[in-house]
C-alpha atoms as a PDB file:
ATOM      1  CA  MET A   1       0.113  -0.023  -0.145  1.00  0.00           C
ATOM      2  CA  LEU A   2       1.589   3.174  -1.152  1.00  0.00           C
ATOM      3  CA  LEU A   3       0.512   6.111   1.229  1.00  0.00           C
ATOM      4  CA  CYS A   4       3.186   8.924   0.388  1.00  0.00           C
ATOM      5  CA  THR A   5       2.823  10.885  -2.735  1.00  0.00           C
ATOM      6  CA  LYS A   6       4.309  14.069  -3.834  1.00  0.00           C
ATOM      7  CA  ASN A   7       1.160  15.966  -3.131  1.00  0.00           C
ATOM      8  CA  GLN A   8       1.108  14.901   0.275  1.00  0.00           C
ATOM      9  CA  GLY A   9       3.989  16.773   1.911  1.00  0.00           C
ATOM     10  CA  CYS A  10       6.306  14.101   1.703  1.00  0.00           C
ATOM     11  CA  THR A  11      10.029  14.539   1.623  1.00  0.00           C
ATOM     12  CA  ALA A  12      12.207  12.306  -0.821  1.00  0.00           C
ATOM     13  CA  TRP A  13      13.286  10.344   2.269  1.00  0.00           C
ATOM     14  CA  HIS A  14       9.602   9.574   2.743  1.00  0.00           C
ATOM     15  CA  MET A  15       8.857   8.682  -0.709  1.00  0.00           C
ATOM     16  CA  ALA A  16      11.822   6.563  -1.249  1.00  0.00           C
ATOM     17  CA  ALA A  17      10.842   4.496   2.261  1.00  0.00           C
ATOM     18  CA  ASN A  18       7.368   4.174   0.877  1.00  0.00           C
ATOM     19  CA  HIS A  19       8.395   3.119  -2.451  1.00  0.00           C
ATOM     20  CA  ARG A  20      10.849   0.489  -1.272  1.00  0.00           C
ATOM     21  CA  LYS A  21      14.044   2.469  -3.114  1.00  0.00           C
ATOM     22  CA  LEU A  22      16.620   1.112  -0.639  1.00  0.00           C
ATOM     23  CA  GLU A  23      19.437   2.639  -3.125  1.00  0.00           C
ATOM     24  CA  LEU A  24      17.811   6.187  -3.199  1.00  0.00           C
ATOM     25  CA  LEU A  25      17.554   5.969   0.810  1.00  0.00           C
ATOM     26  CA  GLN A  26      21.273   5.084   0.904  1.00  0.00           C
ATOM     27  CA  GLU A  27      22.233   8.004  -1.539  1.00  0.00           C
ATOM     28  CA  ILE A  28      20.212  10.499   0.617  1.00  0.00           C
ATOM     29  CA  TRP A  29      21.669   8.943   3.865  1.00  0.00           C
ATOM     30  CA  GLU A  30      25.441   9.411   2.393  1.00  0.00           C
ATOM     31  CA  TRP A  31      24.415  13.001   1.350  1.00  0.00           C
ATOM     32  CA  ALA A  32      22.894  13.720   4.765  1.00  0.00           C
ATOM     33  CA  LYS A  33      26.082  12.164   6.576  1.00  0.00           C
ATOM     34  CA  GLU A  34      28.407  14.779   4.846  1.00  0.00           C
ATOM     35  CA  ASN A  35      25.915  17.883   5.030  1.00  0.00           C
ATOM     36  CA  LEU A  36      23.713  17.594   8.021  1.00  0.00           C
ATOM     37  CA  THR A  37      24.465  17.541  11.859  1.00  0.00           C
ATOM     38  CA  THR A  38      23.593  14.389  13.948  1.00  0.00           C
ATOM     39  CA  GLU A  39      20.761  16.470  15.314  1.00  0.00           C
ATOM     40  CA  GLU A  40      19.508  17.305  12.031  1.00  0.00           C
ATOM     41  CA  ILE A  41      19.869  13.752  10.573  1.00  0.00           C
ATOM     42  CA  LYS A  42      17.716  12.745  13.426  1.00  0.00           C
ATOM     43  CA  ASN A  43      15.047  15.410  13.266  1.00  0.00           C
ATOM     44  CA  LYS A  44      14.837  16.049   9.590  1.00  0.00           C
ATOM     45  CA  LEU A  45      15.377  12.194   8.314  1.00  0.00           C
ATOM     46  CA  LEU A  46      14.709   9.596  10.839  1.00  0.00           C
ATOM     47  CA  LEU A  47      12.039  11.289  12.975  1.00  0.00           C
ATOM     48  CA  ALA A  48      10.497  13.623  10.622  1.00  0.00           C
ATOM     49  CA  PRO A  49       6.865  13.045   9.990  1.00  0.00           C
ATOM     50  CA  ASP A  50       5.085  13.636   6.625  1.00  0.00           C
ATOM     51  CA  ILE A  51       1.907  15.603   6.585  1.00  0.00           C
ATOM     52  CA  ASN A  52      -0.262  12.455   7.948  1.00  0.00           C
ATOM     53  CA  GLY A  53       2.365  11.957  10.724  1.00  0.00           C
ATOM     54  CA  ASN A  54       4.266   8.900   9.129  1.00  0.00           C
ATOM     55  CA  THR A  55       7.868   8.689   9.695  1.00  0.00           C
ATOM     56  CA  ALA A  56       9.962   6.592   7.013  1.00  0.00           C
ATOM     57  CA  TRP A  57       9.941   4.127   9.457  1.00  0.00           C
ATOM     58  CA  HIS A  58       6.038   3.923   9.337  1.00  0.00           C
ATOM     59  CA  LEU A  59       6.194   4.268   5.538  1.00  0.00           C
ATOM     60  CA  SER A  60       8.679   1.137   5.416  1.00  0.00           C
ATOM     61  CA  LEU A  61       6.357  -0.968   7.488  1.00  0.00           C
ATOM     62  CA  TYR A  62       3.693  -0.230   5.065  1.00  0.00           C
ATOM     63  CA  SER A  63       5.773  -1.281   2.098  1.00  0.00           C
ATOM     64  CA  ARG A  64       6.398  -4.631   3.374  1.00  0.00           C
ATOM     65  CA  GLU A  65      10.070  -4.169   2.463  1.00  0.00           C
ATOM     66  CA  PRO A  66      12.393  -5.837   5.200  1.00  0.00           C
ATOM     67  CA  ARG A  67      15.595  -4.766   3.512  1.00  0.00           C
ATOM     68  CA  VAL A  68      14.224  -1.048   3.737  1.00  0.00           C
ATOM     69  CA  LEU A  69      12.905  -1.471   7.394  1.00  0.00           C
ATOM     70  CA  GLN A  70      16.229  -3.225   8.411  1.00  0.00           C
ATOM     71  CA  LYS A  71      18.295  -0.406   6.946  1.00  0.00           C
ATOM     72  CA  ILE A  72      16.185   2.451   8.727  1.00  0.00           C
ATOM     73  CA  TRP A  73      16.521   0.514  11.894  1.00  0.00           C
ATOM     74  CA  GLU A  74      20.245   0.234  11.686  1.00  0.00           C
ATOM     75  CA  TRP A  75      20.373   4.103  11.058  1.00  0.00           C
ATOM     76  CA  ALA A  76      18.096   4.787  14.029  1.00  0.00           C
ATOM     77  CA  LYS A  77      20.188   2.667  16.271  1.00  0.00           C
ATOM     78  CA  GLU A  78      23.283   4.686  15.473  1.00  0.00           C
ATOM     79  CA  ASN A  79      21.646   7.925  15.727  1.00  0.00           C
ATOM     80  CA  ILE A  80      18.615   8.058  18.100  1.00  0.00           C
ATOM     81  CA  THR A  81      18.972   7.131  21.813  1.00  0.00           C
ATOM     82  CA  THR A  82      17.323   4.024  23.046  1.00  0.00           C
ATOM     83  CA  GLU A  83      14.696   6.157  24.908  1.00  0.00           C
ATOM     84  CA  GLU A  84      14.117   8.251  21.700  1.00  0.00           C
ATOM     85  CA  ARG A  85      13.703   5.121  19.529  1.00  0.00           C
ATOM     86  CA  LYS A  86      11.085   3.808  21.875  1.00  0.00           C
ATOM     87  CA  ILE A  87       8.947   6.844  22.286  1.00  0.00           C
ATOM     88  CA  LYS A  88       9.463   8.671  18.857  1.00  0.00           C
ATOM     89  CA  PHE A  89      10.350   5.797  16.674  1.00  0.00           C
ATOM     90  CA  LEU A  90       8.757   2.535  17.467  1.00  0.00           C
ATOM     91  CA  ILE A  91       5.804   3.747  19.329  1.00  0.00           C
ATOM     92  CA  ALA A  92       5.319   7.053  17.665  1.00  0.00           C
ATOM     93  CA  THR A  93       1.616   7.741  16.622  1.00  0.00           C
ATOM     94  CA  ARG A  94       0.485   8.762  13.316  1.00  0.00           C
ATOM     95  CA  ARG A  95      -2.245  11.689  12.845  1.00  0.00           C
ATOM     96  CA  GLU A  96      -5.071   9.293  13.650  1.00  0.00           C
ATOM     97  CA  GLY A  97      -3.311   7.746  16.786  1.00  0.00           C
ATOM     98  CA  LYS A  98      -1.960   4.114  15.171  1.00  0.00           C
ATOM     99  CA  THR A  99       1.576   3.274  15.851  1.00  0.00           C
ATOM    100  CA  ALA A 100       3.864   1.619  13.184  1.00  0.00           C
END
C-alpha cells in the first residue's frame, strides 16, 4: 500500500521509504552524513513526519520491504537514543493515533 505521494507533503526520504527504494535511501543517507549535523539527521530524516504523521519507519512498514525496514532501523540505532527510539520511533503515533 503506497501512502506517500508528492502531493501529500512527503520528502524524498519519505517517498523512497514508501516506494521501497533502498538505493535512493542510501544515497540520501550518505548525502546527509556529509552535509547535516547528527541532530538534523535525527530530526529531518529519521524522526521527521510527513503530512499524515508518518515517519520513514512507518512508511517502510507499510511497503512491506524488509531490507528498507532493516536499514532504517540500523540508522536509527546509530543516531537515536534508546529512549527516543522507543517513544519517537517505535511507538510514535500517526495523526489518527496508530503506531507503526
